[in-house]
Amino acid sequence: MNAFHYPGTDSSSSEPMNRLIADIAKAINGEYHAIGYYEALARLAPTEKERTSIREIRRDEIKHYKLFLRIYKKLTGHRPMVMEGSPPENYRQGLKFSIEDELETVDFYLDISDRAYDPRIRRAFRRAALDEQQHAVTFNYFLTKLCCKDP
């Protein structure tokens, strides 16, 4: 069977499942926003190396988006609504926002992983949390480099 299995269908067990589904939809929206945001951030990057790294991060976000979308569709039978976000104002602000967002996302994904019954969902969100943590490190490096330039 291809669908994810969750034990129990009574009303007492539907609340945790509804919360999980809502959080997966939120994760999908976050990834969707990050895809556009990081493309805009890459265009603002001062070096080709930074543009390349940010686009690699963007590819990870696309991978997460597609994976979470498949999970959501298997659980609900439909796609969630996604909303466009705003682009970064400038490179420095974009890096700061990205660091904070990636770090918050690590905790959020680990929480989803801890609440998921299905081991495939647990693995997917745990792996994505590791990716998000690495993204935060990369963005932090770029911000440090930007702030500590020699005069």
N, C-alpha and C. Protein backbone atom coordinates (compact mmCIF):
# COMPACT_ATOMS: atom_id res chain seq x y z
N MET A 1 0.84 -1.18 0.00
CA MET A 1 0.00 0.00 0.00
C MET A 1 0.88 1.24 0.00
N ASN A 2 0.53 2.23 -0.77
CA ASN A 2 1.32 3.44 -0.93
C ASN A 2 1.02 4.52 0.09
N ALA A 3 -0.20 4.56 0.59
CA ALA A 3 -0.60 5.64 1.50
C ALA A 3 0.07 5.48 2.86
N PHE A 4 0.21 6.58 3.57
CA PHE A 4 0.74 6.54 4.92
C PHE A 4 -0.38 6.08 5.84
N HIS A 5 -0.02 5.26 6.81
CA HIS A 5 -1.03 4.74 7.73
C HIS A 5 -0.92 5.45 9.07
N TYR A 6 -2.06 5.87 9.59
CA TYR A 6 -2.13 6.45 10.92
C TYR A 6 -3.19 5.70 11.70
N PRO A 7 -2.81 5.16 12.87
CA PRO A 7 -3.75 4.37 13.65
C PRO A 7 -4.89 5.21 14.20
N GLY A 8 -6.05 4.58 14.31
CA GLY A 8 -7.21 5.22 14.93
C GLY A 8 -7.90 6.22 14.04
N THR A 9 -9.20 6.20 14.06
CA THR A 9 -9.95 7.17 13.26
C THR A 9 -11.00 7.87 14.10
N ASP A 10 -11.02 7.62 15.40
CA ASP A 10 -12.03 8.28 16.22
C ASP A 10 -11.66 9.75 16.45
N SER A 11 -12.57 10.51 16.99
CA SER A 11 -12.36 11.96 17.14
C SER A 11 -11.20 12.29 18.07
N SER A 12 -10.91 11.42 19.04
CA SER A 12 -9.81 11.71 19.96
C SER A 12 -8.46 11.62 19.26
N SER A 13 -8.37 10.82 18.20
CA SER A 13 -7.10 10.70 17.50
C SER A 13 -7.02 11.62 16.29
N SER A 14 -8.12 12.27 15.91
CA SER A 14 -8.08 13.11 14.72
C SER A 14 -7.41 14.45 14.97
N GLU A 15 -7.44 14.95 16.20
CA GLU A 15 -6.80 16.25 16.49
C GLU A 15 -5.29 16.22 16.24
N PRO A 16 -4.56 15.22 16.76
CA PRO A 16 -3.12 15.20 16.45
C PRO A 16 -2.85 15.07 14.94
N MET A 17 -3.67 14.29 14.26
CA MET A 17 -3.50 14.13 12.81
C MET A 17 -3.80 15.45 12.09
N ASN A 18 -4.86 16.14 12.49
CA ASN A 18 -5.18 17.43 11.88
C ASN A 18 -4.06 18.44 12.09
N ARG A 19 -3.49 18.44 13.28
CA ARG A 19 -2.37 19.35 13.58
C ARG A 19 -1.16 19.00 12.72
N LEU A 20 -0.88 17.70 12.58
CA LEU A 20 0.25 17.28 11.75
C LEU A 20 0.04 17.72 10.31
N ILE A 21 -1.15 17.51 9.79
CA ILE A 21 -1.45 17.91 8.41
C ILE A 21 -1.32 19.42 8.25
N ALA A 22 -1.81 20.18 9.22
CA ALA A 22 -1.69 21.64 9.15
C ALA A 22 -0.23 22.07 9.19
N ASP A 23 0.58 21.40 9.99
CA ASP A 23 2.00 21.74 10.07
C ASP A 23 2.74 21.36 8.79
N ILE A 24 2.35 20.26 8.17
CA ILE A 24 2.97 19.89 6.90
C ILE A 24 2.60 20.92 5.84
N ALA A 25 1.36 21.40 5.85
CA ALA A 25 0.96 22.47 4.92
C ALA A 25 1.79 23.73 5.17
N LYS A 26 2.02 24.05 6.44
CA LYS A 26 2.85 25.21 6.78
C LYS A 26 4.29 25.01 6.27
N ALA A 27 4.81 23.80 6.39
CA ALA A 27 6.15 23.49 5.90
C ALA A 27 6.22 23.66 4.38
N ILE A 28 5.18 23.21 3.69
CA ILE A 28 5.12 23.36 2.23
C ILE A 28 5.14 24.83 1.86
N ASN A 29 4.36 25.64 2.55
CA ASN A 29 4.34 27.08 2.29
C ASN A 29 5.70 27.71 2.56
N GLY A 30 6.36 27.28 3.63
CA GLY A 30 7.69 27.80 3.94
C GLY A 30 8.70 27.47 2.87
N GLU A 31 8.65 26.24 2.38
CA GLU A 31 9.57 25.83 1.32
C GLU A 31 9.27 26.59 0.03
N TYR A 32 7.99 26.75 -0.28
CA TYR A 32 7.59 27.48 -1.48
C TYR A 32 8.11 28.91 -1.43
N HIS A 33 7.95 29.55 -0.28
CA HIS A 33 8.45 30.92 -0.10
C HIS A 33 9.97 30.95 -0.25
N ALA A 34 10.66 29.99 0.36
CA ALA A 34 12.12 29.96 0.31
C ALA A 34 12.64 29.82 -1.12
N ILE A 35 11.94 29.06 -1.94
CA ILE A 35 12.37 28.86 -3.33
C ILE A 35 12.47 30.21 -4.05
N GLY A 36 11.44 31.02 -3.96
CA GLY A 36 11.47 32.34 -4.60
C GLY A 36 12.42 33.30 -3.91
N TYR A 37 12.43 33.26 -2.59
CA TYR A 37 13.27 34.16 -1.81
C TYR A 37 14.75 33.94 -2.13
N TYR A 38 15.16 32.67 -2.20
CA TYR A 38 16.57 32.38 -2.42
C TYR A 38 16.99 32.67 -3.86
N GLU A 39 16.07 32.58 -4.79
CA GLU A 39 16.42 32.99 -6.16
C GLU A 39 16.71 34.48 -6.18
N ALA A 40 15.86 35.27 -5.51
CA ALA A 40 16.08 36.72 -5.43
C ALA A 40 17.36 37.03 -4.65
N LEU A 41 17.61 36.30 -3.57
CA LEU A 41 18.81 36.51 -2.77
C LEU A 41 20.07 36.20 -3.58
N ALA A 42 20.01 35.14 -4.37
CA ALA A 42 21.17 34.78 -5.21
C ALA A 42 21.50 35.91 -6.17
N ARG A 43 20.49 36.55 -6.71
CA ARG A 43 20.74 37.67 -7.64
C ARG A 43 21.41 38.85 -6.94
N LEU A 44 21.22 38.97 -5.63
CA LEU A 44 21.83 40.06 -4.87
C LEU A 44 23.24 39.73 -4.38
N ALA A 45 23.62 38.47 -4.44
CA ALA A 45 24.91 38.03 -3.90
C ALA A 45 26.07 38.71 -4.64
N PRO A 46 27.11 39.10 -3.88
CA PRO A 46 28.21 39.84 -4.49
C PRO A 46 29.21 38.99 -5.29
N THR A 47 29.22 37.68 -5.07
CA THR A 47 30.19 36.83 -5.79
C THR A 47 29.48 35.65 -6.45
N GLU A 48 30.14 35.13 -7.46
CA GLU A 48 29.59 33.96 -8.16
C GLU A 48 29.53 32.75 -7.22
N LYS A 49 30.54 32.61 -6.36
CA LYS A 49 30.56 31.49 -5.41
C LYS A 49 29.34 31.54 -4.49
N GLU A 50 29.00 32.73 -4.00
CA GLU A 50 27.83 32.86 -3.13
C GLU A 50 26.55 32.61 -3.91
N ARG A 51 26.47 33.11 -5.13
CA ARG A 51 25.28 32.85 -5.96
C ARG A 51 25.09 31.35 -6.17
N THR A 52 26.19 30.67 -6.47
CA THR A 52 26.13 29.22 -6.69
C THR A 52 25.67 28.49 -5.43
N SER A 53 26.23 28.85 -4.29
CA SER A 53 25.85 28.20 -3.02
C SER A 53 24.39 28.44 -2.69
N ILE A 54 23.92 29.66 -2.89
CA ILE A 54 22.51 29.97 -2.58
C ILE A 54 21.60 29.21 -3.53
N ARG A 55 22.00 29.06 -4.77
CA ARG A 55 21.17 28.28 -5.71
C ARG A 55 21.18 26.80 -5.36
N GLU A 56 22.27 26.30 -4.79
CA GLU A 56 22.30 24.91 -4.31
C GLU A 56 21.32 24.75 -3.14
N ILE A 57 21.30 25.73 -2.25
CA ILE A 57 20.35 25.72 -1.14
C ILE A 57 18.93 25.74 -1.70
N ARG A 58 18.71 26.57 -2.70
CA ARG A 58 17.39 26.65 -3.34
C ARG A 58 16.96 25.28 -3.90
N ARG A 59 17.91 24.55 -4.48
CA ARG A 59 17.60 23.21 -5.00
C ARG A 59 17.17 22.27 -3.87
N ASP A 60 17.82 22.40 -2.71
CA ASP A 60 17.38 21.61 -1.55
C ASP A 60 15.95 21.95 -1.18
N GLU A 61 15.62 23.25 -1.20
CA GLU A 61 14.27 23.68 -0.84
C GLU A 61 13.24 23.14 -1.84
N ILE A 62 13.60 23.10 -3.11
CA ILE A 62 12.71 22.51 -4.13
C ILE A 62 12.49 21.03 -3.83
N LYS A 63 13.56 20.34 -3.47
CA LYS A 63 13.46 18.92 -3.12
C LYS A 63 12.54 18.73 -1.91
N HIS A 64 12.72 19.55 -0.88
CA HIS A 64 11.85 19.46 0.30
C HIS A 64 10.40 19.75 -0.07
N TYR A 65 10.19 20.80 -0.85
CA TYR A 65 8.84 21.18 -1.28
C TYR A 65 8.14 20.01 -1.97
N LYS A 66 8.81 19.40 -2.92
CA LYS A 66 8.20 18.28 -3.67
C LYS A 66 7.92 17.09 -2.76
N LEU A 67 8.85 16.78 -1.86
CA LEU A 67 8.67 15.66 -0.95
C LEU A 67 7.51 15.91 0.02
N PHE A 68 7.46 17.10 0.60
CA PHE A 68 6.38 17.42 1.54
C PHE A 68 5.03 17.46 0.83
N LEU A 69 5.03 17.93 -0.40
CA LEU A 69 3.80 17.96 -1.19
C LEU A 69 3.28 16.54 -1.43
N ARG A 70 4.17 15.61 -1.76
CA ARG A 70 3.76 14.20 -1.94
C ARG A 70 3.17 13.64 -0.64
N ILE A 71 3.83 13.92 0.47
CA ILE A 71 3.34 13.44 1.77
C ILE A 71 1.95 14.01 2.04
N TYR A 72 1.79 15.30 1.85
CA TYR A 72 0.51 15.97 2.11
C TYR A 72 -0.59 15.38 1.23
N LYS A 73 -0.28 15.18 -0.05
CA LYS A 73 -1.29 14.62 -0.97
C LYS A 73 -1.68 13.20 -0.58
N LYS A 74 -0.73 12.41 -0.09
CA LYS A 74 -1.06 11.05 0.34
C LYS A 74 -1.93 11.07 1.60
N LEU A 75 -1.71 12.03 2.45
CA LEU A 75 -2.49 12.12 3.68
C LEU A 75 -3.88 12.70 3.46
N THR A 76 -4.01 13.64 2.51
CA THR A 76 -5.27 14.38 2.37
C THR A 76 -5.98 14.15 1.04
N GLY A 77 -5.24 13.74 0.02
CA GLY A 77 -5.83 13.57 -1.30
C GLY A 77 -5.85 14.83 -2.14
N HIS A 78 -5.33 15.92 -1.62
CA HIS A 78 -5.30 17.17 -2.41
C HIS A 78 -4.04 17.97 -2.08
N ARG A 79 -3.85 19.05 -2.85
CA ARG A 79 -2.70 19.93 -2.65
C ARG A 79 -3.11 21.08 -1.72
N PRO A 80 -2.16 21.55 -0.90
CA PRO A 80 -2.48 22.72 -0.06
C PRO A 80 -2.37 24.00 -0.88
N MET A 81 -2.98 25.04 -0.38
CA MET A 81 -2.81 26.35 -1.02
C MET A 81 -1.46 26.91 -0.59
N VAL A 82 -0.75 27.51 -1.54
CA VAL A 82 0.52 28.16 -1.21
C VAL A 82 0.43 29.64 -1.55
N MET A 83 1.17 30.43 -0.81
CA MET A 83 1.13 31.87 -1.01
C MET A 83 2.53 32.39 -1.29
N GLU A 84 2.60 33.38 -2.17
CA GLU A 84 3.87 34.03 -2.49
C GLU A 84 4.35 34.84 -1.28
N GLY A 85 5.66 34.91 -1.13
CA GLY A 85 6.24 35.76 -0.09
C GLY A 85 6.89 36.97 -0.71
N SER A 86 7.47 37.82 0.12
CA SER A 86 8.15 39.00 -0.42
C SER A 86 9.65 38.71 -0.56
N PRO A 87 10.29 39.34 -1.53
CA PRO A 87 11.72 39.15 -1.74
C PRO A 87 12.54 39.93 -0.70
N PRO A 88 13.83 39.61 -0.57
CA PRO A 88 14.67 40.36 0.38
C PRO A 88 14.83 41.81 -0.05
N GLU A 89 14.93 42.70 0.93
CA GLU A 89 15.14 44.12 0.63
C GLU A 89 16.54 44.36 0.10
N ASN A 90 17.51 43.67 0.70
CA ASN A 90 18.91 43.78 0.28
C ASN A 90 19.62 42.51 0.72
N TYR A 91 20.86 42.36 0.32
CA TYR A 91 21.59 41.12 0.59
C TYR A 91 21.78 40.89 2.09
N ARG A 92 22.22 41.89 2.81
CA ARG A 92 22.47 41.74 4.25
C ARG A 92 21.19 41.37 4.99
N GLN A 93 20.11 42.09 4.74
CA GLN A 93 18.82 41.80 5.39
C GLN A 93 18.36 40.41 4.99
N GLY A 94 18.56 40.03 3.74
CA GLY A 94 18.17 38.71 3.26
C GLY A 94 18.90 37.59 3.97
N LEU A 95 20.20 37.80 4.21
CA LEU A 95 20.98 36.80 4.94
C LEU A 95 20.50 36.68 6.38
N LYS A 96 20.28 37.83 7.04
CA LYS A 96 19.81 37.80 8.43
C LYS A 96 18.47 37.07 8.54
N PHE A 97 17.54 37.42 7.66
CA PHE A 97 16.23 36.76 7.68
C PHE A 97 16.39 35.26 7.44
N SER A 98 17.23 34.90 6.48
CA SER A 98 17.41 33.49 6.11
C SER A 98 17.98 32.68 7.26
N ILE A 99 18.94 33.25 7.98
CA ILE A 99 19.52 32.54 9.13
C ILE A 99 18.44 32.26 10.17
N GLU A 100 17.70 33.30 10.55
CA GLU A 100 16.64 33.13 11.55
C GLU A 100 15.59 32.13 11.09
N ASP A 101 15.18 32.25 9.84
CA ASP A 101 14.15 31.37 9.30
C ASP A 101 14.61 29.92 9.27
N GLU A 102 15.83 29.69 8.80
CA GLU A 102 16.35 28.32 8.73
C GLU A 102 16.46 27.70 10.12
N LEU A 103 16.93 28.48 11.10
CA LEU A 103 17.06 27.94 12.46
C LEU A 103 15.70 27.62 13.07
N GLU A 104 14.72 28.48 12.87
CA GLU A 104 13.36 28.19 13.36
C GLU A 104 12.80 26.95 12.67
N THR A 105 13.11 26.81 11.40
CA THR A 105 12.61 25.68 10.62
C THR A 105 13.19 24.36 11.11
N VAL A 106 14.45 24.37 11.55
CA VAL A 106 15.05 23.15 12.10
C VAL A 106 14.19 22.62 13.24
N ASP A 107 13.88 23.47 14.21
CA ASP A 107 13.06 23.04 15.35
C ASP A 107 11.67 22.60 14.92
N PHE A 108 11.08 23.34 13.99
CA PHE A 108 9.74 23.02 13.50
C PHE A 108 9.72 21.64 12.84
N TYR A 109 10.70 21.35 12.00
CA TYR A 109 10.76 20.06 11.31
C TYR A 109 11.04 18.91 12.28
N LEU A 110 11.89 19.15 13.27
CA LEU A 110 12.14 18.11 14.26
C LEU A 110 10.88 17.82 15.08
N ASP A 111 10.10 18.85 15.36
CA ASP A 111 8.83 18.66 16.06
C ASP A 111 7.86 17.83 15.22
N ILE A 112 7.77 18.13 13.94
CA ILE A 112 6.91 17.34 13.04
C ILE A 112 7.39 15.89 13.02
N SER A 113 8.70 15.71 12.91
CA SER A 113 9.26 14.36 12.88
C SER A 113 8.91 13.59 14.16
N ASP A 114 9.01 14.25 15.29
CA ASP A 114 8.70 13.59 16.56
C ASP A 114 7.23 13.19 16.67
N ARG A 115 6.33 13.94 16.04
CA ARG A 115 4.89 13.66 16.14
C ARG A 115 4.38 12.70 15.07
N ALA A 116 5.16 12.47 14.03
CA ALA A 116 4.71 11.62 12.93
C ALA A 116 4.75 10.15 13.34
N TYR A 117 3.70 9.43 12.97
CA TYR A 117 3.66 7.99 13.23
C TYR A 117 4.45 7.22 12.18
N ASP A 118 4.35 7.65 10.95
CA ASP A 118 4.96 6.92 9.84
C ASP A 118 6.47 7.18 9.79
N PRO A 119 7.29 6.13 9.77
CA PRO A 119 8.74 6.32 9.76
C PRO A 119 9.24 7.07 8.52
N ARG A 120 8.52 6.96 7.40
CA ARG A 120 8.95 7.69 6.19
C ARG A 120 8.79 9.19 6.38
N ILE A 121 7.73 9.59 7.05
CA ILE A 121 7.53 11.01 7.33
C ILE A 121 8.57 11.48 8.34
N ARG A 122 8.82 10.67 9.35
CA ARG A 122 9.85 11.02 10.34
C ARG A 122 11.20 11.24 9.66
N ARG A 123 11.59 10.30 8.82
CA ARG A 123 12.89 10.42 8.13
C ARG A 123 12.93 11.65 7.24
N ALA A 124 11.86 11.89 6.50
CA ALA A 124 11.82 13.03 5.57
C ALA A 124 12.03 14.35 6.31
N PHE A 125 11.36 14.52 7.43
CA PHE A 125 11.47 15.79 8.16
C PHE A 125 12.77 15.88 8.95
N ARG A 126 13.27 14.76 9.42
CA ARG A 126 14.56 14.79 10.12
C ARG A 126 15.68 15.14 9.14
N ARG A 127 15.64 14.54 7.95
CA ARG A 127 16.65 14.84 6.93
C ARG A 127 16.56 16.31 6.51
N ALA A 128 15.35 16.80 6.32
CA ALA A 128 15.16 18.20 5.93
C ALA A 128 15.68 19.13 7.03
N ALA A 129 15.49 18.76 8.30
CA ALA A 129 16.00 19.58 9.41
C ALA A 129 17.52 19.69 9.35
N LEU A 130 18.18 18.59 9.01
CA LEU A 130 19.64 18.63 8.87
C LEU A 130 20.05 19.56 7.73
N ASP A 131 19.34 19.49 6.62
CA ASP A 131 19.63 20.39 5.50
C ASP A 131 19.45 21.84 5.92
N GLU A 132 18.36 22.14 6.63
CA GLU A 132 18.07 23.51 7.05
C GLU A 132 19.17 24.03 7.98
N GLN A 133 19.66 23.15 8.84
CA GLN A 133 20.74 23.54 9.75
C GLN A 133 21.99 23.91 8.95
N GLN A 134 22.30 23.12 7.94
CA GLN A 134 23.46 23.43 7.10
C GLN A 134 23.25 24.73 6.34
N HIS A 135 22.04 24.98 5.89
CA HIS A 135 21.75 26.24 5.20
C HIS A 135 22.02 27.43 6.12
N ALA A 136 21.59 27.32 7.38
CA ALA A 136 21.81 28.41 8.34
C ALA A 136 23.31 28.67 8.52
N VAL A 137 24.10 27.61 8.58
CA VAL A 137 25.55 27.75 8.72
C VAL A 137 26.12 28.48 7.50
N THR A 138 25.68 28.10 6.32
CA THR A 138 26.17 28.74 5.09
C THR A 138 25.80 30.22 5.06
N PHE A 139 24.55 30.53 5.37
CA PHE A 139 24.13 31.94 5.38
C PHE A 139 24.88 32.73 6.45
N ASN A 140 25.13 32.12 7.59
CA ASN A 140 25.88 32.78 8.66
C ASN A 140 27.31 33.09 8.20
N TYR A 141 27.90 32.16 7.49
CA TYR A 141 29.24 32.39 6.94
C TYR A 141 29.24 33.58 5.98
N PHE A 142 28.26 33.63 5.10
CA PHE A 142 28.19 34.74 4.14
C PHE A 142 27.97 36.07 4.85
N LEU A 143 27.14 36.08 5.89
CA LEU A 143 26.89 37.32 6.64
C LEU A 143 28.16 37.75 7.38
N THR A 144 28.85 36.80 7.99
CA THR A 144 30.10 37.11 8.70
C THR A 144 31.12 37.68 7.72
N LYS A 145 31.23 37.06 6.57
CA LYS A 145 32.15 37.54 5.53
C LYS A 145 31.80 38.97 5.11
N LEU A 146 30.53 39.23 4.95
CA LEU A 146 30.06 40.55 4.53
C LEU A 146 30.34 41.60 5.61
N CYS A 147 30.12 41.23 6.86
CA CYS A 147 30.29 42.19 7.96
C CYS A 147 31.75 42.42 8.34
N CYS A 148 32.60 41.48 8.03
CA CYS A 148 34.00 41.56 8.47
C CYS A 148 34.97 41.83 7.32
N LYS A 149 34.48 42.44 6.26
CA LYS A 149 35.36 42.77 5.13
C LYS A 149 36.46 43.70 5.60
N ASP A 150 37.66 43.48 5.05
CA ASP A 150 38.75 44.41 5.32
C ASP A 150 38.46 45.74 4.64
N PRO A 151 38.79 46.86 5.33
CA PRO A 151 38.52 48.17 4.72
C PRO A 151 39.34 48.43 3.48
